Structures are given as C-alpha cells and as structure tokens.
C-alpha atoms as a PDB file:
ATOM      1  CA  MET A   1       0.025  -0.018   0.056  1.00  0.00           C
ATOM      2  CA  THR A   2       1.221   3.457   0.795  1.00  0.00           C
ATOM      3  CA  GLU A   3       0.722   4.293  -2.896  1.00  0.00           C
ATOM      4  CA  ASN A   4       0.934   7.898  -4.022  1.00  0.00           C
ATOM      5  CA  LEU A   5      -2.658   8.451  -5.308  1.00  0.00           C
ATOM      6  CA  ARG A   6      -2.900   8.629  -9.294  1.00  0.00           C
ATOM      7  CA  ASN A   7       0.841   8.578  -9.748  1.00  0.00           C
ATOM      8  CA  GLY A   8       1.755   4.893  -9.568  1.00  0.00           C
ATOM      9  CA  THR A   9       4.534   5.072  -7.046  1.00  0.00           C
ATOM     10  CA  SER A  10       5.092   3.480  -3.590  1.00  0.00           C
ATOM     11  CA  ASN A  11       7.238   4.049  -0.640  1.00  0.00           C
ATOM     12  CA  GLY A  12       9.971   1.516   0.353  1.00  0.00           C
ATOM     13  CA  SER A  13      12.451   1.128   3.087  1.00  0.00           C
ATOM     14  CA  THR A  14      14.979  -1.450   4.017  1.00  0.00           C
ATOM     15  CA  GLY A  15      13.987  -0.859   7.648  1.00  0.00           C
ATOM     16  CA  TRP A  16      15.093  -2.352  10.863  1.00  0.00           C
ATOM     17  CA  ARG A  17      14.903  -6.049   9.821  1.00  0.00           C
ATOM     18  CA  HIS A  18      18.586  -6.054   8.499  1.00  0.00           C
ATOM     19  CA  LEU A  19      19.993  -4.880  11.747  1.00  0.00           C
ATOM     20  CA  PRO A  20      21.268  -7.131  14.507  1.00  0.00           C
ATOM     21  CA  HIS A  21      18.813  -7.654  17.250  1.00  0.00           C
ATOM     22  CA  ALA A  22      21.082  -5.876  19.775  1.00  0.00           C
ATOM     23  CA  LEU A  23      21.357  -2.673  17.653  1.00  0.00           C
ATOM     24  CA  PHE A  24      17.604  -2.818  16.859  1.00  0.00           C
ATOM     25  CA  ALA A  25      16.977  -2.761  20.610  1.00  0.00           C
ATOM     26  CA  CYS A  26      19.116   0.218  21.080  1.00  0.00           C
ATOM     27  CA  LEU A  27      17.192   2.010  18.127  1.00  0.00           C
ATOM     28  CA  PHE A  28      13.922   0.895  19.686  1.00  0.00           C
ATOM     29  CA  LEU A  29      14.749   2.366  22.888  1.00  0.00           C
ATOM     30  CA  ALA A  30      15.859   5.712  21.361  1.00  0.00           C
ATOM     31  CA  GLY A  31      12.588   5.770  19.456  1.00  0.00           C
ATOM     32  CA  CYS A  32      10.675   5.415  22.640  1.00  0.00           C
ATOM     33  CA  GLY A  33      12.696   8.196  24.232  1.00  0.00           C
ATOM     34  CA  SER A  34      13.674   5.921  27.000  1.00  0.00           C
ATOM     35  CA  ALA A  35      17.107   4.904  28.649  1.00  0.00           C
ATOM     36  CA  VAL A  36      15.850   1.577  29.961  1.00  0.00           C
ATOM     37  CA  PRO A  37      18.854  -0.864  30.365  1.00  0.00           C
ATOM     38  CA  LEU A  38      18.987  -4.161  28.408  1.00  0.00           C
ATOM     39  CA  THR A  39      19.027  -7.566  30.075  1.00  0.00           C
ATOM     40  CA  GLY A  40      21.467 -10.214  29.020  1.00  0.00           C
ATOM     41  CA  ASP A  41      18.779 -12.797  28.442  1.00  0.00           C
ATOM     42  CA  ALA A  42      17.485 -13.649  25.098  1.00  0.00           C
ATOM     43  CA  GLY A  43      13.821 -13.711  24.393  1.00  0.00           C
ATOM     44  CA  ARG A  44      11.821 -15.579  21.762  1.00  0.00           C
ATOM     45  CA  GLY A  45      14.016 -16.059  18.757  1.00  0.00           C
ATOM     46  CA  GLY A  46      17.141 -14.991  20.505  1.00  0.00           C
ATOM     47  CA  SER A  47      16.052 -11.370  20.590  1.00  0.00           C
ATOM     48  CA  ILE A  48      17.153  -9.014  23.396  1.00  0.00           C
ATOM     49  CA  VAL A  49      14.316  -7.800  25.621  1.00  0.00           C
ATOM     50  CA  PRO A  50      14.407  -4.389  27.250  1.00  0.00           C
ATOM     51  CA  ALA A  51      14.157  -4.669  31.163  1.00  0.00           C
ATOM     52  CA  LYS A  52      11.470  -2.794  33.095  1.00  0.00           C
ATOM     53  CA  SER A  53       9.899  -1.189  29.968  1.00  0.00           C
ATOM     54  CA  GLN A  54       6.317  -0.424  29.619  1.00  0.00           C
ATOM     55  CA  PHE A  55       6.223  -2.498  26.400  1.00  0.00           C
ATOM     56  CA  SER A  56       8.367  -5.353  25.320  1.00  0.00           C
ATOM     57  CA  ALA A  57       9.882  -5.193  21.792  1.00  0.00           C
ATOM     58  CA  THR A  58       7.858  -7.000  19.294  1.00  0.00           C
ATOM     59  CA  TYR A  59       9.193  -8.910  16.273  1.00  0.00           C
ATOM     60  CA  PRO A  60       7.556 -10.204  13.042  1.00  0.00           C
ATOM     61  CA  HIS A  61       8.696 -13.769  13.945  1.00  0.00           C
ATOM     62  CA  ASP A  62       6.638 -13.562  17.183  1.00  0.00           C
ATOM     63  CA  PHE A  63       3.573 -14.154  14.929  1.00  0.00           C
ATOM     64  CA  PRO A  64       2.970 -17.294  12.930  1.00  0.00           C
ATOM     65  CA  ILE A  65       0.547 -15.974  10.358  1.00  0.00           C
ATOM     66  CA  HIS A  66       2.147 -13.871   7.612  1.00  0.00           C
ATOM     67  CA  GLY A  67       0.754 -12.525   4.348  1.00  0.00           C
ATOM     68  CA  ILE A  68       1.121  -9.840   1.697  1.00  0.00           C
ATOM     69  CA  ASP A  69      -0.748  -7.049   0.021  1.00  0.00           C
ATOM     70  CA  VAL A  70      -0.452  -6.652  -3.693  1.00  0.00           C
ATOM     71  CA  SER A  71      -1.765  -4.495  -6.632  1.00  0.00           C
ATOM     72  CA  LYS A  72      -1.001  -4.193 -10.297  1.00  0.00           C
ATOM     73  CA  TYR A  73       2.388  -3.123  -9.419  1.00  0.00           C
ATOM     74  CA  GLN A  74       3.421  -6.615  -8.575  1.00  0.00           C
ATOM     75  CA  GLY A  75       2.679  -7.674 -12.182  1.00  0.00           C
ATOM     76  CA  ASP A  76       1.649 -11.289 -12.864  1.00  0.00           C
ATOM     77  CA  ILE A  77       1.863 -13.381  -9.689  1.00  0.00           C
ATOM     78  CA  ASP A  78       2.368 -17.139  -9.462  1.00  0.00           C
ATOM     79  CA  TRP A  79       0.015 -17.855  -6.652  1.00  0.00           C
ATOM     80  CA  GLN A  80       0.992 -21.440  -6.230  1.00  0.00           C
ATOM     81  CA  ALA A  81       4.584 -20.325  -5.624  1.00  0.00           C
ATOM     82  CA  VAL A  82       3.289 -17.733  -3.167  1.00  0.00           C
ATOM     83  CA  ARG A  83       1.439 -20.322  -1.141  1.00  0.00           C
ATOM     84  CA  ALA A  84       4.399 -22.812  -1.220  1.00  0.00           C
ATOM     85  CA  GLY A  85       6.507 -19.981   0.127  1.00  0.00           C
ATOM     86  CA  GLY A  86       4.476 -19.953   3.280  1.00  0.00           C
ATOM     87  CA  ILE A  87       2.255 -17.030   2.766  1.00  0.00           C
ATOM     88  CA  LYS A  88      -1.076 -17.516   4.440  1.00  0.00           C
ATOM     89  CA  PHE A  89      -3.055 -14.522   3.185  1.00  0.00           C
ATOM     90  CA  ALA A  90      -3.133 -11.699   0.518  1.00  0.00           C
ATOM     91  CA  TYR A  91      -4.888  -8.509   0.525  1.00  0.00           C
ATOM     92  CA  ILE A  92      -5.550  -7.322  -2.967  1.00  0.00           C
ATOM     93  CA  LYS A  93      -6.066  -3.837  -4.226  1.00  0.00           C
ATOM     94  CA  ALA A  94      -9.520  -3.655  -5.747  1.00  0.00           C
ATOM     95  CA  THR A  95     -10.492  -0.047  -6.250  1.00  0.00           C
ATOM     96  CA  GLU A  96      -9.453   3.697  -5.800  1.00  0.00           C
ATOM     97  CA  GLY A  97     -11.821   6.583  -5.598  1.00  0.00           C
ATOM     98  CA  ALA A  98     -15.039   6.351  -7.377  1.00  0.00           C
ATOM     99  CA  ASP A  99     -13.886   5.187 -10.842  1.00  0.00           C
ATOM    100  CA  ARG A 100     -10.549   3.209 -10.632  1.00  0.00           C
ATOM    101  CA  VAL A 101     -10.498  -0.517 -10.583  1.00  0.00           C
ATOM    102  CA  ASP A 102      -7.003  -2.036 -10.149  1.00  0.00           C
ATOM    103  CA  ALA A 103      -5.855  -3.685 -13.456  1.00  0.00           C
ATOM    104  CA  LYS A 104      -4.832  -6.794 -11.868  1.00  0.00           C
ATOM    105  CA  PHE A 105      -7.642  -7.251  -9.342  1.00  0.00           C
ATOM    106  CA  PHE A 106      -9.721  -9.838 -10.962  1.00  0.00           C
ATOM    107  CA  GLN A 107      -6.676 -11.946 -12.027  1.00  0.00           C
ATOM    108  CA  ASN A 108      -5.212 -11.720  -8.416  1.00  0.00           C
ATOM    109  CA  TRP A 109      -8.522 -12.400  -6.847  1.00  0.00           C
ATOM    110  CA  GLU A 110      -9.072 -15.690  -8.858  1.00  0.00           C
ATOM    111  CA  GLY A 111      -5.468 -16.615  -8.785  1.00  0.00           C
ATOM    112  CA  ALA A 112      -5.216 -16.473  -4.876  1.00  0.00           C
ATOM    113  CA  ARG A 113      -8.473 -18.385  -4.609  1.00  0.00           C
ATOM    114  CA  ALA A 114      -7.328 -21.095  -6.957  1.00  0.00           C
ATOM    115  CA  ALA A 115      -4.057 -21.527  -5.102  1.00  0.00           C
ATOM    116  CA  GLY A 116      -5.826 -21.673  -1.661  1.00  0.00           C
ATOM    117  CA  VAL A 117      -4.481 -18.476  -0.395  1.00  0.00           C
ATOM    118  CA  LYS A 118      -6.937 -16.713   1.981  1.00  0.00           C
ATOM    119  CA  ARG A 119      -7.644 -13.270   0.277  1.00  0.00           C
ATOM    120  CA  GLY A 120      -9.383 -10.073   0.918  1.00  0.00           C
ATOM    121  CA  ALA A 121      -9.887  -6.763  -0.980  1.00  0.00           C
ATOM    122  CA  TYR A 122      -9.009  -3.220  -0.231  1.00  0.00           C
ATOM    123  CA  HIS A 123     -10.042   0.214  -1.234  1.00  0.00           C
ATOM    124  CA  PHE A 124      -7.749   3.150  -1.587  1.00  0.00           C
ATOM    125  CA  ALA A 125      -9.577   6.240  -0.300  1.00  0.00           C
ATOM    126  CA  TYR A 126      -9.531   9.244  -2.699  1.00  0.00           C
ATOM    127  CA  TRP A 127     -10.612  12.236  -0.583  1.00  0.00           C
ATOM    128  CA  CYS A 128     -11.989  14.294  -3.425  1.00  0.00           C
ATOM    129  CA  ARG A 129     -15.041  12.053  -4.217  1.00  0.00           C
ATOM    130  CA  ALA A 130     -18.162  11.499  -1.898  1.00  0.00           C
ATOM    131  CA  PRO A 131     -17.910   8.418   0.276  1.00  0.00           C
ATOM    132  CA  GLN A 132     -21.055   6.992  -1.232  1.00  0.00           C
ATOM    133  CA  GLU A 133     -19.513   7.214  -4.797  1.00  0.00           C
ATOM    134  CA  GLU A 134     -16.237   5.438  -3.562  1.00  0.00           C
ATOM    135  CA  MET A 135     -18.104   2.546  -1.975  1.00  0.00           C
ATOM    136  CA  ALA A 136     -20.379   2.039  -4.961  1.00  0.00           C
ATOM    137  CA  ASN A 137     -17.244   1.465  -7.001  1.00  0.00           C
ATOM    138  CA  PHE A 138     -15.876  -1.024  -4.359  1.00  0.00           C
ATOM    139  CA  ILE A 139     -19.051  -2.832  -3.937  1.00  0.00           C
ATOM    140  CA  ARG A 140     -19.775  -3.333  -7.662  1.00  0.00           C
ATOM    141  CA  THR A 141     -16.261  -4.553  -8.161  1.00  0.00           C
ATOM    142  CA  VAL A 142     -15.551  -6.805  -5.271  1.00  0.00           C
ATOM    143  CA  PRO A 143     -17.641 -10.133  -5.137  1.00  0.00           C
ATOM    144  CA  ASN A 144     -19.537 -10.869  -1.910  1.00  0.00           C
ATOM    145  CA  ASP A 145     -17.667 -14.215  -1.208  1.00  0.00           C
ATOM    146  CA  PRO A 146     -18.359 -15.543   2.357  1.00  0.00           C
ATOM    147  CA  ASP A 147     -14.993 -17.147   2.432  1.00  0.00           C
ATOM    148  CA  ALA A 148     -13.209 -13.814   1.727  1.00  0.00           C
ATOM    149  CA  LEU A 149     -11.331 -11.885   4.433  1.00  0.00           C
ATOM    150  CA  PRO A 150     -13.067  -8.724   5.899  1.00  0.00           C
ATOM    151  CA  PRO A 151     -12.646  -5.810   3.496  1.00  0.00           C
ATOM    152  CA  VAL A 152     -10.070  -2.986   4.037  1.00  0.00           C
ATOM    153  CA  LEU A 153     -10.299   0.710   3.858  1.00  0.00           C
ATOM    154  CA  ASP A 154      -6.801   2.085   3.109  1.00  0.00           C
ATOM    155  CA  VAL A 155      -6.596   5.653   4.341  1.00  0.00           C
ATOM    156  CA  GLU A 156      -3.597   7.873   3.550  1.00  0.00           C
ATOM    157  CA  ALA A 157      -2.824  11.585   3.000  1.00  0.00           C
ATOM    158  CA  THR A 158      -1.946  12.270  -0.548  1.00  0.00           C
ATOM    159  CA  PRO A 159      -0.257  15.751  -0.516  1.00  0.00           C
ATOM    160  CA  THR A 160       1.700  14.770  -3.762  1.00  0.00           C
ATOM    161  CA  SER A 161      -1.433  13.704  -5.817  1.00  0.00           C
ATOM    162  CA  GLY A 162      -1.752  15.441  -9.202  1.00  0.00           C
ATOM    163  CA  THR A 163      -5.560  15.415  -8.992  1.00  0.00           C
ATOM    164  CA  CYS A 164      -6.525  15.662  -5.231  1.00  0.00           C
ATOM    165  CA  LYS A 165      -4.343  18.209  -3.142  1.00  0.00           C
ATOM    166  CA  LYS A 166      -6.883  18.188  -0.419  1.00  0.00           C
ATOM    167  CA  THR A 167      -6.059  19.215   3.164  1.00  0.00           C
ATOM    168  CA  LEU A 168      -7.558  16.604   5.563  1.00  0.00           C
ATOM    169  CA  TYR A 169      -9.435  17.967   8.630  1.00  0.00           C
ATOM    170  CA  ARG A 170      -9.844  15.457  11.414  1.00  0.00           C
ATOM    171  CA  GLU A 171     -13.617  15.560  12.156  1.00  0.00           C
ATOM    172  CA  GLU A 172     -14.564  15.669   8.394  1.00  0.00           C
ATOM    173  CA  THR A 173     -12.207  12.952   7.567  1.00  0.00           C
ATOM    174  CA  ILE A 174     -13.524  10.557  10.355  1.00  0.00           C
ATOM    175  CA  ALA A 175     -17.104  11.254   9.427  1.00  0.00           C
ATOM    176  CA  GLN A 176     -16.146  10.283   5.817  1.00  0.00           C
ATOM    177  CA  MET A 177     -14.450   7.192   6.929  1.00  0.00           C
ATOM    178  CA  ARG A 178     -17.337   6.197   9.027  1.00  0.00           C
ATOM    179  CA  GLN A 179     -19.700   6.371   6.190  1.00  0.00           C
ATOM    180  CA  MET A 180     -17.456   4.102   4.067  1.00  0.00           C
ATOM    181  CA  LEU A 181     -16.744   1.617   6.750  1.00  0.00           C
ATOM    182  CA  GLN A 182     -20.580   1.371   7.477  1.00  0.00           C
ATOM    183  CA  MET A 183     -21.391   0.756   3.719  1.00  0.00           C
ATOM    184  CA  MET A 184     -18.645  -1.956   3.594  1.00  0.00           C
ATOM    185  CA  GLU A 185     -19.971  -3.746   6.542  1.00  0.00           C
ATOM    186  CA  ARG A 186     -23.523  -3.778   5.328  1.00  0.00           C
ATOM    187  CA  ALA A 187     -22.491  -4.928   1.883  1.00  0.00           C
ATOM    188  CA  TYR A 188     -20.261  -7.826   3.067  1.00  0.00           C
ATOM    189  CA  GLY A 189     -21.532  -8.649   6.594  1.00  0.00           C
ATOM    190  CA  LYS A 190     -18.097  -8.521   8.047  1.00  0.00           C
ATOM    191  CA  ARG A 191     -16.431  -5.693  10.128  1.00  0.00           C
ATOM    192  CA  PRO A 192     -13.965  -3.830   7.913  1.00  0.00           C
ATOM    193  CA  VAL A 193     -10.339  -3.143   8.751  1.00  0.00           C
ATOM    194  CA  ILE A 194      -8.832   0.341   8.635  1.00  0.00           C
ATOM    195  CA  TYR A 195      -5.168   0.459   7.089  1.00  0.00           C
ATOM    196  CA  SER A 196      -3.423   3.510   8.223  1.00  0.00           C
ATOM    197  CA  THR A 197       0.051   4.964   7.871  1.00  0.00           C
ATOM    198  CA  VAL A 198       1.952   6.743  10.780  1.00  0.00           C
ATOM    199  CA  ASP A 199       1.192  10.199   9.705  1.00  0.00           C
ATOM    200  CA  PHE A 200      -2.483   9.449   9.091  1.00  0.00           C
ATOM    201  CA  TYR A 201      -2.762   7.724  12.465  1.00  0.00           C
ATOM    202  CA  GLU A 202      -1.148  10.629  14.400  1.00  0.00           C
ATOM    203  CA  SER A 203      -3.181  13.389  12.782  1.00  0.00           C
ATOM    204  CA  ILE A 204      -6.545  11.746  12.342  1.00  0.00           C
ATOM    205  CA  LEU A 205      -7.009   8.518  14.328  1.00  0.00           C
ATOM    206  CA  HIS A 206      -4.907   9.016  17.471  1.00  0.00           C
ATOM    207  CA  PRO A 207      -5.690   8.084  19.983  1.00  0.00           C
ATOM    208  CA  SER A 208      -9.011   6.221  19.719  1.00  0.00           C
ATOM    209  CA  ALA A 209     -11.074   7.375  16.847  1.00  0.00           C
ATOM    210  CA  LEU A 210     -13.082   4.634  15.012  1.00  0.00           C
ATOM    211  CA  GLU A 211     -11.586   2.188  17.723  1.00  0.00           C
ATOM    212  CA  GLU A 212     -14.557  -0.080  16.996  1.00  0.00           C
ATOM    213  CA  TYR A 213     -12.953  -1.256  13.889  1.00  0.00           C
ATOM    214  CA  PRO A 214      -9.863  -3.488  13.556  1.00  0.00           C
ATOM    215  CA  ILE A 215      -6.666  -1.600  12.513  1.00  0.00           C
ATOM    216  CA  TRP A 216      -3.833  -2.560  10.283  1.00  0.00           C
ATOM    217  CA  VAL A 217      -0.570  -0.543  11.046  1.00  0.00           C
ATOM    218  CA  ARG A 218       2.460   0.316   9.171  1.00  0.00           C
ATOM    219  CA  SER A 219       5.830   0.369  10.891  1.00  0.00           C
ATOM    220  CA  THR A 220       8.828  -0.988   9.077  1.00  0.00           C
ATOM    221  CA  LYS A 221      11.488   0.282  11.615  1.00  0.00           C
ATOM    222  CA  TYR A 222       9.987  -0.140  15.006  1.00  0.00           C
ATOM    223  CA  SER A 223       7.656  -2.391  16.844  1.00  0.00           C
ATOM    224  CA  PRO A 224       3.963  -1.166  16.416  1.00  0.00           C
ATOM    225  CA  HIS A 225       3.746   0.495  19.837  1.00  0.00           C
ATOM    226  CA  VAL A 226       6.578   2.901  19.184  1.00  0.00           C
ATOM    227  CA  ARG A 227       4.483   4.613  16.560  1.00  0.00           C
ATOM    228  CA  TYR A 228       0.920   3.650  17.660  1.00  0.00           C
ATOM    229  CA  GLY A 229       0.987   3.495  21.342  1.00  0.00           C
ATOM    230  CA  SER A 230      -1.325   1.234  23.072  1.00  0.00           C
ATOM    231  CA  ARG A 231      -3.784   1.063  20.032  1.00  0.00           C
ATOM    232  CA  LYS A 232      -4.577  -2.554  19.643  1.00  0.00           C
ATOM    233  CA  TRP A 233      -3.926  -3.887  16.116  1.00  0.00           C
ATOM    234  CA  HIS A 234      -4.802  -6.821  14.030  1.00  0.00           C
ATOM    235  CA  PHE A 235      -2.307  -6.582  11.194  1.00  0.00           C
ATOM    236  CA  TRP A 236       1.316  -5.158  11.011  1.00  0.00           C
ATOM    237  CA  GLN A 237       2.960  -4.214   7.695  1.00  0.00           C
ATOM    238  CA  PHE A 238       6.424  -4.656   8.806  1.00  0.00           C
ATOM    239  CA  GLN A 239       8.286  -4.771   5.523  1.00  0.00           C
ATOM    240  CA  SER A 240       7.878  -2.996   2.251  1.00  0.00           C
ATOM    241  CA  ASP A 241      10.609  -4.672   0.044  1.00  0.00           C
ATOM    242  CA  ALA A 242       9.952  -8.321   0.782  1.00  0.00           C
ATOM    243  CA  HIS A 243      11.065 -10.885  -1.805  1.00  0.00           C
ATOM    244  CA  ILE A 244       8.447 -13.732  -2.111  1.00  0.00           C
ATOM    245  CA  PRO A 245       8.550 -16.767  -4.375  1.00  0.00           C
ATOM    246  CA  GLY A 246       6.064 -16.233  -7.300  1.00  0.00           C
ATOM    247  CA  ILE A 247       6.422 -12.317  -7.228  1.00  0.00           C
ATOM    248  CA  ARG A 248       8.986 -10.428  -9.217  1.00  0.00           C
ATOM    249  CA  GLY A 249      10.416  -7.374  -7.354  1.00  0.00           C
ATOM    250  CA  ASN A 250       9.324  -6.096  -4.017  1.00  0.00           C
ATOM    251  CA  VAL A 251       6.092  -6.628  -2.104  1.00  0.00           C
ATOM    252  CA  ASP A 252       4.837  -5.626   1.360  1.00  0.00           C
ATOM    253  CA  ARG A 253       4.785  -8.231   4.026  1.00  0.00           C
ATOM    254  CA  ASN A 254       2.463  -8.381   7.087  1.00  0.00           C
ATOM    255  CA  ALA A 255       1.877 -10.289  10.150  1.00  0.00           C
ATOM    256  CA  PHE A 256      -1.525 -11.037  11.862  1.00  0.00           C
ATOM    257  CA  HIS A 257      -1.794 -10.503  15.599  1.00  0.00           C
ATOM    258  CA  GLY A 258      -2.779 -13.902  16.750  1.00  0.00           C
ATOM    259  CA  ASP A 259      -2.171 -17.662  16.722  1.00  0.00           C
ATOM    260  CA  GLN A 260      -3.728 -20.218  14.352  1.00  0.00           C
ATOM    261  CA  ARG A 261      -6.931 -20.468  16.197  1.00  0.00           C
ATOM    262  CA  GLN A 262      -7.375 -16.722  16.366  1.00  0.00           C
ATOM    263  CA  TRP A 263      -6.407 -16.507  12.672  1.00  0.00           C
ATOM    264  CA  LEU A 264      -9.114 -19.068  11.715  1.00  0.00           C
ATOM    265  CA  ALA A 265     -11.859 -17.143  13.818  1.00  0.00           C
ATOM    266  CA  PHE A 266     -10.777 -13.778  12.108  1.00  0.00           C
ATOM    267  CA  ALA A 267     -10.768 -15.350   8.664  1.00  0.00           C
ATOM    268  CA  GLY A 268     -14.376 -16.525   9.326  1.00  0.00           C
ATOM    269  CA  GLY A 269     -15.498 -12.973  10.142  1.00  0.00           C
ATOM    270  CA  GLN A 270     -15.038 -12.900  13.841  1.00  0.00           C
ATOM    271  CA  THR A 271     -13.227  -9.645  14.111  1.00  0.00           C
ATOM    272  CA  GLU A 272     -13.928  -8.993  17.646  1.00  0.00           C
ATOM    273  CA  THR A 273     -11.082 -10.920  19.373  1.00  0.00           C
ATOM    274  CA  THR A 274      -7.296 -11.231  18.843  1.00  0.00           C
ATOM    275  CA  ALA A 275      -4.292 -11.992  21.030  1.00  0.00           C
ATOM    276  CA  MET A 276      -4.444  -8.358  22.096  1.00  0.00           C
ATOM    277  CA  GLY A 277      -7.814  -8.951  23.776  1.00  0.00           C
ATOM    278  CA  TYR A 278      -9.567  -6.551  21.429  1.00  0.00           C
ATOM    279  CA  SER A 279     -13.373  -6.534  21.642  1.00  0.00           C
ATOM    280  CA  ALA A 280     -14.907  -4.258  19.070  1.00  0.00           C
ATOM    281  CA  MET A 281     -18.392  -4.931  20.163  1.00  0.00           C
ATOM    282  CA  ASN A 282     -17.705  -3.404  23.672  1.00  0.00           C
ATOM    283  CA  VAL A 283     -16.171  -0.150  23.008  1.00  0.00           C
ATOM    284  CA  ASP A 284     -17.623   3.415  23.076  1.00  0.00           C
ATOM    285  CA  ARG A 285     -18.601   4.162  19.547  1.00  0.00           C
ATOM    286  CA  THR A 286     -18.809   7.911  20.195  1.00  0.00           C
ATOM    287  CA  PRO A 287     -16.280   9.795  18.040  1.00  0.00           C
ATOM    288  CA  ALA A 288     -13.247  10.632  19.835  1.00  0.00           C
ATOM    289  CA  SER A 289     -13.176  14.265  21.108  1.00  0.00           C
ATOM    290  CA  VAL A 290     -10.427  16.664  19.817  1.00  0.00           C
ATOM    291  CA  THR A 291      -7.696  17.326  22.249  1.00  0.00           C
ATOM    292  CA  ALA A 292      -5.066  20.089  21.845  1.00  0.00           C
ATOM    293  CA  SER A 293      -2.342  17.980  23.294  1.00  0.00           C
ATOM    294  CA  ILE A 294      -1.553  14.676  24.987  1.00  0.00           C
ATOM    295  CA  PRO A 295       0.052  14.665  28.307  1.00  0.00           C
ATOM    296  CA  GLY A 296       3.761  13.647  28.179  1.00  0.00           C
ATOM    297  CA  ALA A 297       3.641  13.353  24.353  1.00  0.00           C
ATOM    298  CA  VAL A 298       6.300  15.027  22.243  1.00  0.00           C
ATOM    299  CA  ALA A 299       4.957  17.588  19.807  1.00  0.00           C
ATOM    300  CA  ARG A 300       5.645  16.882  16.217  1.00  0.00           C
ATOM    301  CA  PRO A 301       5.198  18.884  13.060  1.00  0.00           C
ATOM    302  CA  MET A 302       1.849  18.423  11.293  1.00  0.00           C
ATOM    303  CA  PRO A 303       2.534  16.220   8.180  1.00  0.00           C
ATOM    304  CA  GLY A 304       1.822  17.423   4.738  1.00  0.00           C
ATOM    305  CA  GLY A 305      -1.840  17.063   3.641  1.00  0.00           C
ATOM    306  CA  PHE A 306      -3.232  17.500   7.113  1.00  0.00           C
ATOM    307  CA  ALA A 307      -4.571  20.481   9.147  1.00  0.00           C
ATOM    308  CA  PRO A 308      -4.815  20.972  12.953  1.00  0.00           C
ATOM    309  CA  PRO A 309      -8.279  20.301  14.404  1.00  0.00           C
ATOM    310  CA  ALA A 310     -10.502  23.302  14.628  1.00  0.00           C
ATOM    311  CA  GLY A 311      -9.541  25.689  17.413  1.00  0.00           C
ATOM    312  CA  VAL A 312      -6.148  24.012  17.971  1.00  0.00           C
ATOM    313  CA  GLY A 313      -2.884  25.615  17.180  1.00  0.00           C
ATOM    314  CA  ALA A 314      -0.384  23.969  15.010  1.00  0.00           C
ATOM    315  CA  PRO A 315       2.170  21.755  16.958  1.00  0.00           C
ATOM    316  CA  ALA A 316       5.538  23.074  17.860  1.00  0.00           C
ATOM    317  CA  VAL A 317       7.972  22.339  15.200  1.00  0.00           C
ATOM    318  CA  LEU A 318      10.719  19.874  16.253  1.00  0.00           C
ATOM    319  CA  ALA A 319      13.272  17.901  14.246  1.00  0.00           C
ATOM    320  CA  PRO A 320      11.238  16.086  11.515  1.00  0.00           C
ATOM    321  CA  ILE A 321      10.701  12.258  11.735  1.00  0.00           C
ATOM    322  CA  ASP A 322      10.120   9.912   8.874  1.00  0.00           C
ATOM    323  CA  PRO A 323       6.337  10.204   8.777  1.00  0.00           C
ATOM    324  CA  ASP A 324       5.912   6.762   7.178  1.00  0.00           C
ATOM    325  CA  GLU A 325       7.889   4.695   9.491  1.00  0.00           C
END
C-alpha cells in the first residue's frame, strides 16, 4: 500500500529487519525516548528484551501467520508459488476513488482463490469524491464471497497527488471514513479493517477514533507500539521490500496479531477478538473528542496534507521524523 494517489509510485524502506537484534533494541529504545537498560537474557527467537519497560519489543517472527498485500505493481503473480513460500493470506487492491479498478484485481482475486491463499480486497480512499461514490465503486467490483477476508479501507494523506491536493481535517475525515466503513459492513456482513500509515494515524485517528474497527498498522522500522502506542492492532505491515517466491520485485509483508486459532476465527469473520484482547463490540462508538495535546507526548510537526483540528494551534516544530515509519 502507501501508494501515491494517481501517480503509480510506492514508498519503500529497508527498515530495521537488516539490523542485528542488539542494535535494533538500542534504536527501539531511542525511538521510545527511554534509557531503559537491556537484560542479558535472550527472548523468543534470540532477541534481546528491554528490562522494566512499559512495552516489550515485538518482532515479526513472534507471529505465525504472515501475508502480503498486492496491486497491479506486482505484475503477474504465481499464486501457487506464493502459497508454497509460506504466505497464508493476501490483501488485493480492488479500487481507488469512485472510478478506478486495479488492472490486476480480478486476475489476483481468482489466482489467490485457486491456489488456496486466503484473500481479501482493499479500497484506496480518494478524498476528492463522495464516500457513497467510492463505496459504490468498491461494492460493484468486489464479489461478496463469504470465504473472503473482511474488506479493508486504506486511508492515507496524498499531498503529492496530481488530482486531489486536499487538506484533511480530522472531524470531516473521520465522518467520511465512518460512512465508507458502514457501507462496507452492510454490503459484506463483516467488520471492515482500517489500514493506516503513521502520519495519518497521528493526525486523524490518534488516540481512539473509530476504535470499534480493527486496525492494520504500518511500521517498518519499529515495533508497532513505538508509533501507535497502546492502540490494539490486527495486522502489522512490517516490510515494504520483501522478496516472495512467485512475485518479481518487492512486495509488502504483513503479520497477523494472533495464533492459528485466532486467525481461523478472524478469517471466518469474527473480528472482535485477537491476541491483544480487542473487543470491538464493547467499545464506546462515540467519535473521539478533539484534544489540543496529549500529556507527556512529544509535539511533532503536522505532516503534509493534514490540518490541525478546529480551534487547536499548530504543534511546535521539532526535528522532523520519517512520517511513514
């Protein structure tokens, strides 16, 4: 995902996965702003675990269910080879905005099914069209297959778009998302998943907007909690340049937050429970109120394509961070 709208490019990063675990642990602590010492004991998979930290470092290999997300940019995919390579699921780009259908969607949709790879479809939000028009495009494109994974709404700012340079305001954007998510759920009978980049999460969804929906987070350099705090997640996009049998070039790789039993429950449409103890049916569905600041948080510059909430001044400008990682 993380595609630049209407221009056919995508972001990529080698990320932390090439670093030795000890060095990653140091970077992890620096990202948290913590000087917590490290223990000498190795955790699962030989990773070094921080001592007395609010969170323990999380690694992709902590989770047994891995998958990919694909679009036309992966070209022709050998789905039998993908499955043989250990991939358990694939999210496939279906639509963008109100009038775009991914050129490889139907080929990928049928190819994944034939190979026995569990698949779902995602829609890339285009903020310059009405939510109803966008969902009409998605619903008429994606078959209502009871065996498919819950649909995904991919939400990202697109400040470099050649056709939709729209500034996103928090309350308006959340309202638009809610309309699209509700239409998805009515059409497919499954609770949709929100895919969010770090900058979108920090500017629009933080800390608990639309918390009744499962979230799919992107973080290719750090454990998810470094960028998303205590927000409970279902999927983690941890790599953007993976090499998978059956695919030429790079592809995004993802982990599901749960074990085999929980995966089977989720794949069957039960999105309420994962290893995080997330219960979508029991949360307050009232839209999150706008807050000017978060106690103890570090102010960051507002990413391009976003605006401060109404009545809230712009955050203090500090050294910029990579908004996507």
